[in-house]
Amino acid sequence: AAAAAARAHAGVKTRLVGVVSAHATAYLDSWRAG
């Protein structure tokens, strides 16, 4: 969330890729499920 806020503040177009552990996939599963 901080990286997204900083990107907006800086006005850059850098893509953001979130990284989770393959052994703790709650955020990946939630991102895919909506």
PDB file of all heavy atoms in Angstrom:
ATOM      1  N   ALA A   1       0.833  -1.208   0.000  1.00  0.00           N
ATOM      2  CA  ALA A   1       0.000   0.000   0.000  1.00  0.00           C
ATOM      3  C   ALA A   1       0.863   1.251   0.000  1.00  0.00           C
ATOM      4  O   ALA A   1       0.541   2.256  -0.657  1.00  0.00           O
ATOM      5  CB  ALA A   1      -0.930  -0.007   1.217  1.00  0.00           C
ATOM      6  N   ALA A   2       1.974   1.204   0.725  1.00  0.00           N
ATOM      7  CA  ALA A   2       2.891   2.342   0.772  1.00  0.00           C
ATOM      8  C   ALA A   2       3.539   2.579  -0.587  1.00  0.00           C
ATOM      9  O   ALA A   2       3.713   3.724  -1.017  1.00  0.00           O
ATOM     10  CB  ALA A   2       3.951   2.105   1.832  1.00  0.00           C
ATOM     11  N   ALA A   3       3.912   1.495  -1.274  1.00  0.00           N
ATOM     12  CA  ALA A   3       4.511   1.637  -2.601  1.00  0.00           C
ATOM     13  C   ALA A   3       3.522   2.268  -3.573  1.00  0.00           C
ATOM     14  O   ALA A   3       3.889   3.120  -4.394  1.00  0.00           O
ATOM     15  CB  ALA A   3       4.967   0.273  -3.118  1.00  0.00           C
ATOM     16  N   ALA A   4       2.255   1.873  -3.486  1.00  0.00           N
ATOM     17  CA  ALA A   4       1.229   2.458  -4.352  1.00  0.00           C
ATOM     18  C   ALA A   4       1.045   3.945  -4.056  1.00  0.00           C
ATOM     19  O   ALA A   4       0.907   4.761  -4.971  1.00  0.00           O
ATOM     20  CB  ALA A   4      -0.085   1.708  -4.176  1.00  0.00           C
ATOM     21  N   ALA A   5       1.046   4.300  -2.773  1.00  0.00           N
ATOM     22  CA  ALA A   5       0.902   5.709  -2.394  1.00  0.00           C
ATOM     23  C   ALA A   5       2.094   6.523  -2.874  1.00  0.00           C
ATOM     24  O   ALA A   5       1.945   7.653  -3.355  1.00  0.00           O
ATOM     25  CB  ALA A   5       0.747   5.832  -0.881  1.00  0.00           C
ATOM     26  N   ALA A   6       3.290   5.959  -2.744  1.00  0.00           N
ATOM     27  CA  ALA A   6       4.499   6.664  -3.184  1.00  0.00           C
ATOM     28  C   ALA A   6       4.520   6.823  -4.699  1.00  0.00           C
ATOM     29  O   ALA A   6       4.950   7.863  -5.216  1.00  0.00           O
ATOM     30  CB  ALA A   6       5.732   5.897  -2.715  1.00  0.00           C
ATOM     31  N   ARG A   7       4.055   5.811  -5.417  1.00  0.00           N
ATOM     32  CA  ARG A   7       3.992   5.910  -6.877  1.00  0.00           C
ATOM     33  C   ARG A   7       3.076   7.046  -7.294  1.00  0.00           C
ATOM     34  O   ARG A   7       3.416   7.845  -8.194  1.00  0.00           O
ATOM     35  CB  ARG A   7       3.505   4.589  -7.474  1.00  0.00           C
ATOM     36  CG  ARG A   7       3.356   4.627  -8.974  1.00  0.00           C
ATOM     37  CD  ARG A   7       2.977   3.281  -9.560  1.00  0.00           C
ATOM     38  NE  ARG A   7       1.642   2.837  -9.149  1.00  0.00           N
ATOM     39  CZ  ARG A   7       1.055   1.731  -9.620  1.00  0.00           C
ATOM     40  NH1 ARG A   7       1.692   0.961 -10.482  1.00  0.00           N
ATOM     41  NH2 ARG A   7      -0.156   1.393  -9.205  1.00  0.00           N
ATOM     42  N   ALA A   8       1.926   7.153  -6.645  1.00  0.00           N
ATOM     43  CA  ALA A   8       0.995   8.239  -6.962  1.00  0.00           C
ATOM     44  C   ALA A   8       1.615   9.588  -6.613  1.00  0.00           C
ATOM     45  O   ALA A   8       1.496  10.563  -7.382  1.00  0.00           O
ATOM     46  CB  ALA A   8      -0.308   8.043  -6.195  1.00  0.00           C
ATOM     47  N   HIS A   9       2.295   9.659  -5.481  1.00  0.00           N
ATOM     48  CA  HIS A   9       2.925  10.917  -5.058  1.00  0.00           C
ATOM     49  C   HIS A   9       4.014  11.346  -6.044  1.00  0.00           C
ATOM     50  O   HIS A   9       4.110  12.527  -6.393  1.00  0.00           O
ATOM     51  CB  HIS A   9       3.529  10.742  -3.661  1.00  0.00           C
ATOM     52  CG  HIS A   9       4.320  11.909  -3.189  1.00  0.00           C
ATOM     53  ND1 HIS A   9       3.740  13.053  -2.675  1.00  0.00           N
ATOM     54  CD2 HIS A   9       5.668  12.128  -3.154  1.00  0.00           C
ATOM     55  CE1 HIS A   9       4.680  13.922  -2.351  1.00  0.00           C
ATOM     56  NE2 HIS A   9       5.855  13.387  -2.635  1.00  0.00           N
ATOM     57  N   ALA A  10       4.824  10.371  -6.498  1.00  0.00           N
ATOM     58  CA  ALA A  10       5.936  10.683  -7.392  1.00  0.00           C
ATOM     59  C   ALA A  10       5.495  10.866  -8.837  1.00  0.00           C
ATOM     60  O   ALA A  10       6.240  11.418  -9.654  1.00  0.00           O
ATOM     61  CB  ALA A  10       6.991   9.572  -7.303  1.00  0.00           C
ATOM     62  N   GLY A  11       4.297  10.397  -9.168  1.00  0.00           N
ATOM     63  CA  GLY A  11       3.794  10.536 -10.527  1.00  0.00           C
ATOM     64  C   GLY A  11       4.519   9.676 -11.539  1.00  0.00           C
ATOM     65  O   GLY A  11       4.641  10.042 -12.712  1.00  0.00           O
ATOM     66  N   VAL A  12       5.001   8.492 -11.112  1.00  0.00           N
ATOM     67  CA  VAL A  12       5.695   7.589 -12.031  1.00  0.00           C
ATOM     68  C   VAL A  12       4.753   6.485 -12.499  1.00  0.00           C
ATOM     69  O   VAL A  12       3.700   6.260 -11.913  1.00  0.00           O
ATOM     70  CB  VAL A  12       6.946   6.982 -11.365  1.00  0.00           C
ATOM     71  CG1 VAL A  12       7.933   8.064 -10.989  1.00  0.00           C
ATOM     72  CG2 VAL A  12       6.569   6.152 -10.136  1.00  0.00           C
ATOM     73  N   LYS A  13       5.162   5.803 -13.569  1.00  0.00           N
ATOM     74  CA  LYS A  13       4.330   4.752 -14.162  1.00  0.00           C
ATOM     75  C   LYS A  13       4.833   3.353 -13.843  1.00  0.00           C
ATOM     76  O   LYS A  13       4.398   2.365 -14.453  1.00  0.00           O
ATOM     77  CB  LYS A  13       4.288   4.938 -15.689  1.00  0.00           C
ATOM     78  CG  LYS A  13       3.794   6.310 -16.138  1.00  0.00           C
ATOM     79  CD  LYS A  13       2.371   6.568 -15.673  1.00  0.00           C
ATOM     80  CE  LYS A  13       1.852   7.902 -16.193  1.00  0.00           C
ATOM     81  NZ  LYS A  13       0.500   8.206 -15.672  1.00  0.00           N
ATOM     82  N   THR A  14       5.721   3.235 -12.890  1.00  0.00           N
ATOM     83  CA  THR A  14       6.287   1.946 -12.516  1.00  0.00           C
ATOM     84  C   THR A  14       5.191   0.941 -12.154  1.00  0.00           C
ATOM     85  O   THR A  14       4.291   1.249 -11.374  1.00  0.00           O
ATOM     86  CB  THR A  14       7.235   2.115 -11.314  1.00  0.00           C
ATOM     87  OG1 THR A  14       8.292   3.006 -11.670  1.00  0.00           O
ATOM     88  CG2 THR A  14       7.811   0.777 -10.865  1.00  0.00           C
ATOM     89  N   ARG A  15       5.272  -0.243 -12.722  1.00  0.00           N
ATOM     90  CA  ARG A  15       4.327  -1.291 -12.383  1.00  0.00           C
ATOM     91  C   ARG A  15       4.676  -1.857 -11.003  1.00  0.00           C
ATOM     92  O   ARG A  15       5.859  -1.959 -10.648  1.00  0.00           O
ATOM     93  CB  ARG A  15       4.379  -2.411 -13.424  1.00  0.00           C
ATOM     94  CG  ARG A  15       3.962  -1.968 -14.823  1.00  0.00           C
ATOM     95  CD  ARG A  15       4.102  -3.118 -15.804  1.00  0.00           C
ATOM     96  NE  ARG A  15       3.735  -2.724 -17.155  1.00  0.00           N
ATOM     97  CZ  ARG A  15       3.751  -3.542 -18.205  1.00  0.00           C
ATOM     98  NH1 ARG A  15       4.103  -4.816 -18.049  1.00  0.00           N
ATOM     99  NH2 ARG A  15       3.407  -3.103 -19.395  1.00  0.00           N
ATOM    100  N   LEU A  16       3.670  -2.250 -10.267  1.00  0.00           N
ATOM    101  CA  LEU A  16       3.873  -2.823  -8.944  1.00  0.00           C
ATOM    102  C   LEU A  16       3.474  -4.297  -8.955  1.00  0.00           C
ATOM    103  O   LEU A  16       2.361  -4.637  -9.349  1.00  0.00           O
ATOM    104  CB  LEU A  16       3.045  -2.078  -7.896  1.00  0.00           C
ATOM    105  CG  LEU A  16       3.349  -0.588  -7.714  1.00  0.00           C
ATOM    106  CD1 LEU A  16       2.429   0.003  -6.644  1.00  0.00           C
ATOM    107  CD2 LEU A  16       4.812  -0.364  -7.338  1.00  0.00           C
ATOM    108  N   VAL A  17       4.403  -5.132  -8.534  1.00  0.00           N
ATOM    109  CA  VAL A  17       4.143  -6.569  -8.436  1.00  0.00           C
ATOM    110  C   VAL A  17       4.243  -6.975  -6.969  1.00  0.00           C
ATOM    111  O   VAL A  17       5.292  -6.812  -6.337  1.00  0.00           O
ATOM    112  CB  VAL A  17       5.139  -7.380  -9.283  1.00  0.00           C
ATOM    113  CG1 VAL A  17       4.942  -8.887  -9.048  1.00  0.00           C
ATOM    114  CG2 VAL A  17       4.957  -7.054 -10.760  1.00  0.00           C
ATOM    115  N   GLY A  18       3.144  -7.477  -6.415  1.00  0.00           N
ATOM    116  CA  GLY A  18       3.141  -7.970  -5.049  1.00  0.00           C
ATOM    117  C   GLY A  18       3.690  -9.384  -4.999  1.00  0.00           C
ATOM    118  O   GLY A  18       3.487 -10.175  -5.922  1.00  0.00           O
ATOM    119  N   VAL A  19       4.388  -9.685  -3.908  1.00  0.00           N
ATOM    120  CA  VAL A  19       5.024 -10.994  -3.768  1.00  0.00           C
ATOM    121  C   VAL A  19       4.574 -11.643  -2.467  1.00  0.00           C
ATOM    122  O   VAL A  19       4.722 -11.056  -1.389  1.00  0.00           O
ATOM    123  CB  VAL A  19       6.560 -10.867  -3.773  1.00  0.00           C
ATOM    124  CG1 VAL A  19       7.205 -12.252  -3.730  1.00  0.00           C
ATOM    125  CG2 VAL A  19       7.040 -10.077  -4.987  1.00  0.00           C
ATOM    126  N   VAL A  20       4.019 -12.836  -2.564  1.00  0.00           N
ATOM    127  CA  VAL A  20       3.618 -13.599  -1.379  1.00  0.00           C
ATOM    128  C   VAL A  20       4.441 -14.875  -1.307  1.00  0.00           C
ATOM    129  O   VAL A  20       5.076 -15.280  -2.283  1.00  0.00           O
ATOM    130  CB  VAL A  20       2.113 -13.950  -1.395  1.00  0.00           C
ATOM    131  CG1 VAL A  20       1.263 -12.705  -1.559  1.00  0.00           C
ATOM    132  CG2 VAL A  20       1.797 -14.968  -2.493  1.00  0.00           C
ATOM    133  N   SER A  21       4.415 -15.507  -0.144  1.00  0.00           N
ATOM    134  CA  SER A  21       5.018 -16.831  -0.015  1.00  0.00           C
ATOM    135  C   SER A  21       4.086 -17.869  -0.628  1.00  0.00           C
ATOM    136  O   SER A  21       2.864 -17.813  -0.440  1.00  0.00           O
ATOM    137  CB  SER A  21       5.257 -17.157   1.461  1.00  0.00           C
ATOM    138  OG  SER A  21       5.617 -18.524   1.608  1.00  0.00           O
ATOM    139  N   ALA A  22       4.659 -18.815  -1.339  1.00  0.00           N
ATOM    140  CA  ALA A  22       3.868 -19.922  -1.891  1.00  0.00           C
ATOM    141  C   ALA A  22       3.302 -20.797  -0.782  1.00  0.00           C
ATOM    142  O   ALA A  22       2.433 -21.639  -1.035  1.00  0.00           O
ATOM    143  CB  ALA A  22       4.729 -20.763  -2.827  1.00  0.00           C
ATOM    144  N   HIS A  23       3.771 -20.577   0.450  1.00  0.00           N
ATOM    145  CA  HIS A  23       3.306 -21.337   1.602  1.00  0.00           C
ATOM    146  C   HIS A  23       2.427 -20.482   2.519  1.00  0.00           C
ATOM    147  O   HIS A  23       2.182 -20.847   3.670  1.00  0.00           O
ATOM    148  CB  HIS A  23       4.506 -21.881   2.372  1.00  0.00           C
ATOM    149  CG  HIS A  23       5.591 -22.408   1.472  1.00  0.00           C
ATOM    150  ND1 HIS A  23       5.449 -23.578   0.750  1.00  0.00           N
ATOM    151  CD2 HIS A  23       6.805 -21.903   1.139  1.00  0.00           C
ATOM    152  CE1 HIS A  23       6.546 -23.773   0.025  1.00  0.00           C
ATOM    153  NE2 HIS A  23       7.372 -22.771   0.243  1.00  0.00           N
ATOM    154  N   ALA A  24       1.960 -19.353   1.987  1.00  0.00           N
ATOM    155  CA  ALA A  24       1.046 -18.455   2.712  1.00  0.00           C
ATOM    156  C   ALA A  24       0.370 -17.578   1.659  1.00  0.00           C
ATOM    157  O   ALA A  24       0.733 -16.424   1.455  1.00  0.00           O
ATOM    158  CB  ALA A  24       1.802 -17.601   3.729  1.00  0.00           C
ATOM    159  N   THR A  25      -0.613 -18.139   0.979  1.00  0.00           N
ATOM    160  CA  THR A  25      -1.122 -17.530  -0.259  1.00  0.00           C
ATOM    161  C   THR A  25      -2.419 -16.736  -0.091  1.00  0.00           C
ATOM    162  O   THR A  25      -3.125 -16.490  -1.070  1.00  0.00           O
ATOM    163  CB  THR A  25      -1.355 -18.625  -1.319  1.00  0.00           C
ATOM    164  OG1 THR A  25      -2.287 -19.589  -0.792  1.00  0.00           O
ATOM    165  CG2 THR A  25      -0.055 -19.315  -1.686  1.00  0.00           C
ATOM    166  N   ALA A  26      -2.732 -16.296   1.122  1.00  0.00           N
ATOM    167  CA  ALA A  26      -4.019 -15.627   1.348  1.00  0.00           C
ATOM    168  C   ALA A  26      -4.218 -14.422   0.427  1.00  0.00           C
ATOM    169  O   ALA A  26      -5.295 -14.251  -0.164  1.00  0.00           O
ATOM    170  CB  ALA A  26      -4.133 -15.196   2.814  1.00  0.00           C
ATOM    171  N   TYR A  27      -3.191 -13.588   0.281  1.00  0.00           N
ATOM    172  CA  TYR A  27      -3.357 -12.392  -0.546  1.00  0.00           C
ATOM    173  C   TYR A  27      -3.415 -12.725  -2.031  1.00  0.00           C
ATOM    174  O   TYR A  27      -4.185 -12.108  -2.780  1.00  0.00           O
ATOM    175  CB  TYR A  27      -2.236 -11.382  -0.264  1.00  0.00           C
ATOM    176  CG  TYR A  27      -2.565 -10.462   0.887  1.00  0.00           C
ATOM    177  CD1 TYR A  27      -2.134 -10.738   2.177  1.00  0.00           C
ATOM    178  CD2 TYR A  27      -3.336  -9.317   0.691  1.00  0.00           C
ATOM    179  CE1 TYR A  27      -2.453  -9.903   3.236  1.00  0.00           C
ATOM    180  CE2 TYR A  27      -3.661  -8.469   1.740  1.00  0.00           C
ATOM    181  CZ  TYR A  27      -3.217  -8.767   3.010  1.00  0.00           C
ATOM    182  OH  TYR A  27      -3.546  -7.939   4.064  1.00  0.00           O
ATOM    183  N   LEU A  28      -2.649 -13.692  -2.477  1.00  0.00           N
ATOM    184  CA  LEU A  28      -2.726 -14.102  -3.876  1.00  0.00           C
ATOM    185  C   LEU A  28      -4.090 -14.708  -4.175  1.00  0.00           C
ATOM    186  O   LEU A  28      -4.736 -14.350  -5.180  1.00  0.00           O
ATOM    187  CB  LEU A  28      -1.616 -15.113  -4.182  1.00  0.00           C
ATOM    188  CG  LEU A  28      -1.650 -15.755  -5.572  1.00  0.00           C
ATOM    189  CD1 LEU A  28      -1.574 -14.714  -6.666  1.00  0.00           C
ATOM    190  CD2 LEU A  28      -0.524 -16.784  -5.704  1.00  0.00           C
ATOM    191  N   ASP A  29      -4.553 -15.604  -3.319  1.00  0.00           N
ATOM    192  CA  ASP A  29      -5.857 -16.237  -3.521  1.00  0.00           C
ATOM    193  C   ASP A  29      -6.976 -15.193  -3.499  1.00  0.00           C
ATOM    194  O   ASP A  29      -7.921 -15.255  -4.302  1.00  0.00           O
ATOM    195  CB  ASP A  29      -6.114 -17.283  -2.438  1.00  0.00           C
ATOM    196  CG  ASP A  29      -5.114 -18.425  -2.458  1.00  0.00           C
ATOM    197  OD1 ASP A  29      -4.430 -18.591  -3.492  1.00  0.00           O
ATOM    198  OD2 ASP A  29      -5.013 -19.141  -1.443  1.00  0.00           O
ATOM    199  N   SER A  30      -6.865 -14.235  -2.597  1.00  0.00           N
ATOM    200  CA  SER A  30      -7.885 -13.191  -2.478  1.00  0.00           C
ATOM    201  C   SER A  30      -7.856 -12.264  -3.678  1.00  0.00           C
ATOM    202  O   SER A  30      -8.906 -11.831  -4.181  1.00  0.00           O
ATOM    203  CB  SER A  30      -7.657 -12.395  -1.183  1.00  0.00           C
ATOM    204  OG  SER A  30      -7.719 -13.233  -0.041  1.00  0.00           O
ATOM    205  N   TRP A  31      -6.659 -11.924  -4.146  1.00  0.00           N
ATOM    206  CA  TRP A  31      -6.513 -11.060  -5.325  1.00  0.00           C
ATOM    207  C   TRP A  31      -7.158 -11.723  -6.543  1.00  0.00           C
ATOM    208  O   TRP A  31      -7.849 -11.074  -7.323  1.00  0.00           O
ATOM    209  CB  TRP A  31      -5.023 -10.802  -5.558  1.00  0.00           C
ATOM    210  CG  TRP A  31      -4.696  -9.889  -6.699  1.00  0.00           C
ATOM    211  CD1 TRP A  31      -4.878  -8.542  -6.761  1.00  0.00           C
ATOM    212  CD2 TRP A  31      -4.096 -10.275  -7.947  1.00  0.00           C
ATOM    213  NE1 TRP A  31      -4.424  -8.059  -7.973  1.00  0.00           N
ATOM    214  CE2 TRP A  31      -3.940  -9.093  -8.709  1.00  0.00           C
ATOM    215  CE3 TRP A  31      -3.665 -11.481  -8.480  1.00  0.00           C
ATOM    216  CZ2 TRP A  31      -3.367  -9.103  -9.978  1.00  0.00           C
ATOM    217  CZ3 TRP A  31      -3.097 -11.492  -9.750  1.00  0.00           C
ATOM    218  CH2 TRP A  31      -2.964 -10.308 -10.488  1.00  0.00           C
ATOM    219  N   ARG A  32      -6.955 -13.015  -6.685  1.00  0.00           N
ATOM    220  CA  ARG A  32      -7.542 -13.732  -7.814  1.00  0.00           C
ATOM    221  C   ARG A  32      -9.053 -13.889  -7.675  1.00  0.00           C
ATOM    222  O   ARG A  32      -9.789 -13.773  -8.651  1.00  0.00           O
ATOM    223  CB  ARG A  32      -6.895 -15.122  -7.928  1.00  0.00           C
ATOM    224  CG  ARG A  32      -5.463 -15.101  -8.444  1.00  0.00           C
ATOM    225  CD  ARG A  32      -4.838 -16.484  -8.377  1.00  0.00           C
ATOM    226  NE  ARG A  32      -3.534 -16.527  -9.039  1.00  0.00           N
ATOM    227  CZ  ARG A  32      -2.672 -17.539  -8.926  1.00  0.00           C
ATOM    228  NH1 ARG A  32      -2.993 -18.606  -8.190  1.00  0.00           N
ATOM    229  NH2 ARG A  32      -1.512 -17.502  -9.553  1.00  0.00           N
ATOM    230  N   ALA A  33      -9.512 -14.123  -6.449  1.00  0.00           N
ATOM    231  CA  ALA A  33     -10.937 -14.367  -6.223  1.00  0.00           C
ATOM    232  C   ALA A  33     -11.759 -13.088  -6.222  1.00  0.00           C
ATOM    233  O   ALA A  33     -12.969 -13.120  -6.470  1.00  0.00           O
ATOM    234  CB  ALA A  33     -11.126 -15.099  -4.889  1.00  0.00           C
ATOM    235  N   GLY A  34     -11.112 -11.961  -5.921  1.00  0.00           N
ATOM    236  CA  GLY A  34     -11.838 -10.699  -5.840  1.00  0.00           C
ATOM    237  C   GLY A  34     -12.469 -10.447  -4.496  1.00  0.00           C
ATOM    238  O   GLY A  34     -13.219  -9.497  -4.312  1.00  0.00           O
TER     239      GLY A  34
END
